[in-house]
Amino acid sequence: MKNPYTITALCLIGIAFFIKAGIFNALLLFLLVGAIPGTSYNVPALGMLLIVAALMWIILFRLTALETFEVRTRKYLAHKYQTRRKSAPAKKAQRA
């Protein structure tokens, strides 16, 4: 299942399904115009601006800030572990 050809084929089939079913057009209309699919309602321009800005902020936060916090935490724990090992007394050689 991890074959790259299988993954590529599944992605292409999924994209073709979205295009054929009209899901791609409905999503594009929602993002560009604010037209809610299946209804005659439209989201106001300010509402769409806020939705898109919030989504972009969430995605960027997930990609940048959380990764930075994780790297800093790893460095802190590695430093803490190294200083603890250095300050620990040396083990005595055990006699049999």
N, C-alpha and C. Protein backbone atom coordinates (compact mmCIF):
# COMPACT_ATOMS: atom_id res chain seq x y z
N MET A 1 0.83 -1.20 0.00
CA MET A 1 0.00 0.00 0.00
C MET A 1 0.86 1.25 0.00
N LYS A 2 2.12 1.16 0.41
CA LYS A 2 2.98 2.33 0.47
C LYS A 2 3.67 2.61 -0.86
N ASN A 3 3.32 1.88 -1.88
CA ASN A 3 3.90 2.08 -3.20
C ASN A 3 3.56 3.49 -3.69
N PRO A 4 4.54 4.25 -4.16
CA PRO A 4 4.25 5.62 -4.61
C PRO A 4 3.28 5.67 -5.78
N TYR A 5 3.29 4.65 -6.64
CA TYR A 5 2.34 4.62 -7.75
C TYR A 5 0.91 4.45 -7.25
N THR A 6 0.74 3.66 -6.21
CA THR A 6 -0.60 3.46 -5.64
C THR A 6 -1.11 4.76 -5.02
N ILE A 7 -0.25 5.44 -4.28
CA ILE A 7 -0.63 6.70 -3.65
C ILE A 7 -0.96 7.75 -4.71
N THR A 8 -0.16 7.82 -5.76
CA THR A 8 -0.41 8.77 -6.85
C THR A 8 -1.73 8.46 -7.54
N ALA A 9 -1.97 7.19 -7.80
CA ALA A 9 -3.21 6.80 -8.46
C ALA A 9 -4.42 7.13 -7.59
N LEU A 10 -4.34 6.88 -6.28
CA LEU A 10 -5.45 7.20 -5.39
C LEU A 10 -5.71 8.71 -5.33
N CYS A 11 -4.64 9.50 -5.33
CA CYS A 11 -4.79 10.96 -5.33
C CYS A 11 -5.46 11.43 -6.62
N LEU A 12 -5.04 10.89 -7.75
CA LEU A 12 -5.64 11.29 -9.02
C LEU A 12 -7.11 10.87 -9.10
N ILE A 13 -7.44 9.69 -8.60
CA ILE A 13 -8.83 9.25 -8.58
C ILE A 13 -9.66 10.16 -7.68
N GLY A 14 -9.12 10.53 -6.53
CA GLY A 14 -9.82 11.45 -5.63
C GLY A 14 -10.05 12.81 -6.25
N ILE A 15 -9.05 13.35 -6.93
CA ILE A 15 -9.19 14.65 -7.59
C ILE A 15 -10.24 14.57 -8.70
N ALA A 16 -10.19 13.48 -9.49
CA ALA A 16 -11.17 13.31 -10.56
C ALA A 16 -12.58 13.22 -9.98
N PHE A 17 -12.74 12.52 -8.86
CA PHE A 17 -14.06 12.43 -8.22
C PHE A 17 -14.55 13.79 -7.77
N PHE A 18 -13.67 14.58 -7.15
CA PHE A 18 -14.07 15.90 -6.68
C PHE A 18 -14.49 16.80 -7.84
N ILE A 19 -13.76 16.70 -8.95
CA ILE A 19 -14.10 17.54 -10.10
C ILE A 19 -15.41 17.07 -10.73
N LYS A 20 -15.56 15.75 -10.91
CA LYS A 20 -16.77 15.21 -11.56
C LYS A 20 -18.02 15.44 -10.71
N ALA A 21 -17.91 15.34 -9.40
CA ALA A 21 -19.06 15.50 -8.52
C ALA A 21 -19.44 16.96 -8.30
N GLY A 22 -18.59 17.89 -8.71
CA GLY A 22 -18.89 19.30 -8.53
C GLY A 22 -18.44 19.84 -7.18
N ILE A 23 -17.80 19.01 -6.40
CA ILE A 23 -17.32 19.46 -5.08
C ILE A 23 -16.24 20.51 -5.23
N PHE A 24 -15.39 20.33 -6.21
CA PHE A 24 -14.31 21.29 -6.44
C PHE A 24 -14.88 22.66 -6.79
N ASN A 25 -15.88 22.70 -7.68
CA ASN A 25 -16.50 23.98 -8.06
C ASN A 25 -17.22 24.62 -6.88
N ALA A 26 -17.92 23.82 -6.09
CA ALA A 26 -18.63 24.37 -4.93
C ALA A 26 -17.65 24.96 -3.92
N LEU A 27 -16.54 24.28 -3.69
CA LEU A 27 -15.53 24.79 -2.76
C LEU A 27 -14.89 26.06 -3.29
N LEU A 28 -14.60 26.09 -4.57
CA LEU A 28 -14.01 27.27 -5.18
C LEU A 28 -14.97 28.46 -5.12
N LEU A 29 -16.25 28.23 -5.40
CA LEU A 29 -17.24 29.31 -5.30
C LEU A 29 -17.38 29.81 -3.86
N PHE A 30 -17.32 28.89 -2.91
CA PHE A 30 -17.41 29.32 -1.51
C PHE A 30 -16.21 30.19 -1.13
N LEU A 31 -15.03 29.80 -1.55
CA LEU A 31 -13.84 30.56 -1.18
C LEU A 31 -13.76 31.90 -1.91
N LEU A 32 -14.16 31.94 -3.16
CA LEU A 32 -14.02 33.17 -3.93
C LEU A 32 -15.19 34.14 -3.73
N VAL A 33 -16.43 33.63 -3.68
CA VAL A 33 -17.61 34.48 -3.64
C VAL A 33 -18.31 34.45 -2.30
N GLY A 34 -18.17 33.34 -1.58
CA GLY A 34 -18.86 33.20 -0.31
C GLY A 34 -20.21 32.53 -0.47
N ALA A 35 -20.47 31.90 -1.62
CA ALA A 35 -21.75 31.24 -1.88
C ALA A 35 -21.77 29.90 -1.15
N ILE A 36 -22.73 29.73 -0.26
CA ILE A 36 -22.84 28.48 0.48
C ILE A 36 -23.49 27.44 -0.43
N PRO A 37 -22.83 26.30 -0.65
CA PRO A 37 -23.36 25.30 -1.59
C PRO A 37 -24.72 24.77 -1.15
N GLY A 38 -25.63 24.63 -2.12
CA GLY A 38 -26.94 24.07 -1.84
C GLY A 38 -27.96 25.06 -1.30
N THR A 39 -27.56 26.30 -1.12
CA THR A 39 -28.49 27.32 -0.62
C THR A 39 -28.38 28.56 -1.50
N SER A 40 -29.22 29.54 -1.22
CA SER A 40 -29.13 30.80 -1.95
C SER A 40 -28.48 31.89 -1.09
N TYR A 41 -27.84 31.48 0.00
CA TYR A 41 -27.20 32.43 0.91
C TYR A 41 -25.76 32.68 0.51
N ASN A 42 -25.30 33.89 0.82
CA ASN A 42 -23.91 34.26 0.60
C ASN A 42 -23.34 34.79 1.91
N VAL A 43 -22.08 34.47 2.15
CA VAL A 43 -21.38 35.01 3.31
C VAL A 43 -20.85 36.38 2.92
N PRO A 44 -21.03 37.40 3.77
CA PRO A 44 -20.53 38.74 3.43
C PRO A 44 -19.01 38.74 3.23
N ALA A 45 -18.53 39.73 2.50
CA ALA A 45 -17.11 39.82 2.17
C ALA A 45 -16.25 39.90 3.43
N LEU A 46 -16.69 40.67 4.42
CA LEU A 46 -15.93 40.79 5.66
C LEU A 46 -15.87 39.45 6.39
N GLY A 47 -16.97 38.72 6.36
CA GLY A 47 -16.99 37.40 6.99
C GLY A 47 -16.02 36.44 6.31
N MET A 48 -16.00 36.46 4.97
CA MET A 48 -15.06 35.60 4.24
C MET A 48 -13.62 36.02 4.52
N LEU A 49 -13.39 37.31 4.61
CA LEU A 49 -12.04 37.79 4.92
C LEU A 49 -11.60 37.29 6.28
N LEU A 50 -12.49 37.35 7.26
CA LEU A 50 -12.15 36.88 8.61
C LEU A 50 -11.95 35.37 8.64
N ILE A 51 -12.78 34.63 7.91
CA ILE A 51 -12.64 33.17 7.86
C ILE A 51 -11.31 32.78 7.23
N VAL A 52 -10.98 33.38 6.09
CA VAL A 52 -9.72 33.06 5.41
C VAL A 52 -8.53 33.48 6.25
N ALA A 53 -8.60 34.65 6.88
CA ALA A 53 -7.50 35.10 7.73
C ALA A 53 -7.32 34.16 8.93
N ALA A 54 -8.41 33.72 9.53
CA ALA A 54 -8.31 32.79 10.66
C ALA A 54 -7.72 31.45 10.23
N LEU A 55 -8.16 30.95 9.08
CA LEU A 55 -7.60 29.68 8.58
C LEU A 55 -6.11 29.80 8.28
N MET A 56 -5.72 30.91 7.67
CA MET A 56 -4.30 31.11 7.37
C MET A 56 -3.49 31.20 8.66
N TRP A 57 -4.01 31.91 9.66
CA TRP A 57 -3.30 32.03 10.92
C TRP A 57 -3.15 30.67 11.59
N ILE A 58 -4.22 29.87 11.58
CA ILE A 58 -4.16 28.54 12.20
C ILE A 58 -3.15 27.66 11.49
N ILE A 59 -3.15 27.68 10.17
CA ILE A 59 -2.22 26.85 9.41
C ILE A 59 -0.78 27.30 9.65
N LEU A 60 -0.53 28.60 9.60
CA LEU A 60 0.83 29.09 9.84
C LEU A 60 1.28 28.81 11.27
N PHE A 61 0.38 28.95 12.23
CA PHE A 61 0.72 28.66 13.62
C PHE A 61 1.10 27.19 13.76
N ARG A 62 0.34 26.33 13.11
CA ARG A 62 0.62 24.89 13.19
C ARG A 62 1.96 24.56 12.55
N LEU A 63 2.29 25.21 11.45
CA LEU A 63 3.51 24.89 10.73
C LEU A 63 4.76 25.51 11.35
N THR A 64 4.63 26.66 11.99
CA THR A 64 5.82 27.36 12.47
C THR A 64 5.95 27.35 13.99
N ALA A 65 4.99 27.90 14.67
CA ALA A 65 5.13 28.11 16.11
C ALA A 65 5.18 26.79 16.88
N LEU A 66 4.32 25.86 16.55
CA LEU A 66 4.33 24.60 17.30
C LEU A 66 5.62 23.83 17.07
N GLU A 67 6.14 23.89 15.85
CA GLU A 67 7.42 23.23 15.57
C GLU A 67 8.55 23.90 16.37
N THR A 68 8.51 25.22 16.46
CA THR A 68 9.52 25.95 17.22
C THR A 68 9.44 25.58 18.70
N PHE A 69 8.23 25.51 19.25
CA PHE A 69 8.08 25.12 20.66
C PHE A 69 8.61 23.71 20.90
N GLU A 70 8.35 22.82 19.97
CA GLU A 70 8.80 21.44 20.12
C GLU A 70 10.32 21.36 20.08
N VAL A 71 10.96 22.08 19.18
CA VAL A 71 12.42 22.08 19.09
C VAL A 71 13.03 22.67 20.35
N ARG A 72 12.46 23.77 20.84
CA ARG A 72 12.99 24.38 22.06
C ARG A 72 12.84 23.45 23.26
N THR A 73 11.72 22.74 23.34
CA THR A 73 11.50 21.81 24.44
C THR A 73 12.51 20.67 24.38
N ARG A 74 12.76 20.15 23.19
CA ARG A 74 13.75 19.08 23.04
C ARG A 74 15.14 19.54 23.46
N LYS A 75 15.52 20.76 23.04
CA LYS A 75 16.83 21.28 23.41
C LYS A 75 16.93 21.47 24.92
N TYR A 76 15.85 21.97 25.53
CA TYR A 76 15.85 22.18 26.97
C TYR A 76 15.99 20.85 27.71
N LEU A 77 15.23 19.84 27.28
CA LEU A 77 15.31 18.54 27.94
C LEU A 77 16.67 17.89 27.75
N ALA A 78 17.27 18.04 26.56
CA ALA A 78 18.60 17.49 26.32
C ALA A 78 19.63 18.17 27.21
N HIS A 79 19.54 19.50 27.32
CA HIS A 79 20.47 20.24 28.18
C HIS A 79 20.29 19.84 29.64
N LYS A 80 19.05 19.71 30.07
CA LYS A 80 18.76 19.32 31.45
C LYS A 80 19.32 17.92 31.75
N TYR A 81 19.14 17.00 30.81
CA TYR A 81 19.64 15.64 30.99
C TYR A 81 21.17 15.62 31.04
N GLN A 82 21.83 16.40 30.18
CA GLN A 82 23.29 16.44 30.16
C GLN A 82 23.84 17.04 31.45
N THR A 83 23.24 18.12 31.94
CA THR A 83 23.73 18.72 33.17
C THR A 83 23.49 17.79 34.36
N ARG A 84 22.40 17.05 34.35
CA ARG A 84 22.13 16.11 35.43
C ARG A 84 23.15 14.97 35.41
N ARG A 85 23.51 14.50 34.22
CA ARG A 85 24.52 13.43 34.13
C ARG A 85 25.89 13.91 34.57
N LYS A 86 26.25 15.15 34.24
CA LYS A 86 27.55 15.67 34.62
C LYS A 86 27.65 15.89 36.12
N SER A 87 26.55 16.30 36.75
CA SER A 87 26.60 16.60 38.17
C SER A 87 26.39 15.36 39.04
N ALA A 88 25.98 14.25 38.45
CA ALA A 88 25.76 13.03 39.22
C ALA A 88 27.12 12.43 39.61
N PRO A 89 27.19 11.86 40.80
CA PRO A 89 28.47 11.25 41.20
C PRO A 89 28.77 10.03 40.34
N ALA A 90 30.07 9.80 40.18
CA ALA A 90 30.49 8.66 39.37
C ALA A 90 30.15 7.37 40.11
N LYS A 91 29.75 6.35 39.36
CA LYS A 91 29.43 5.08 39.97
C LYS A 91 30.70 4.36 40.38
N LYS A 92 30.63 3.72 41.54
CA LYS A 92 31.79 2.98 42.02
C LYS A 92 31.86 1.65 41.29
N ALA A 93 33.08 1.21 41.07
CA ALA A 93 33.26 -0.10 40.41
C ALA A 93 32.82 -1.19 41.37
N GLN A 94 32.02 -2.08 40.90
CA GLN A 94 31.53 -3.15 41.76
C GLN A 94 32.50 -4.32 41.72
N ARG A 95 32.71 -4.88 42.86
CA ARG A 95 33.59 -6.05 42.94
C ARG A 95 32.74 -7.31 42.94
N ALA A 96 33.24 -8.32 42.27
CA ALA A 96 32.50 -9.57 42.19
C ALA A 96 32.80 -10.47 43.33
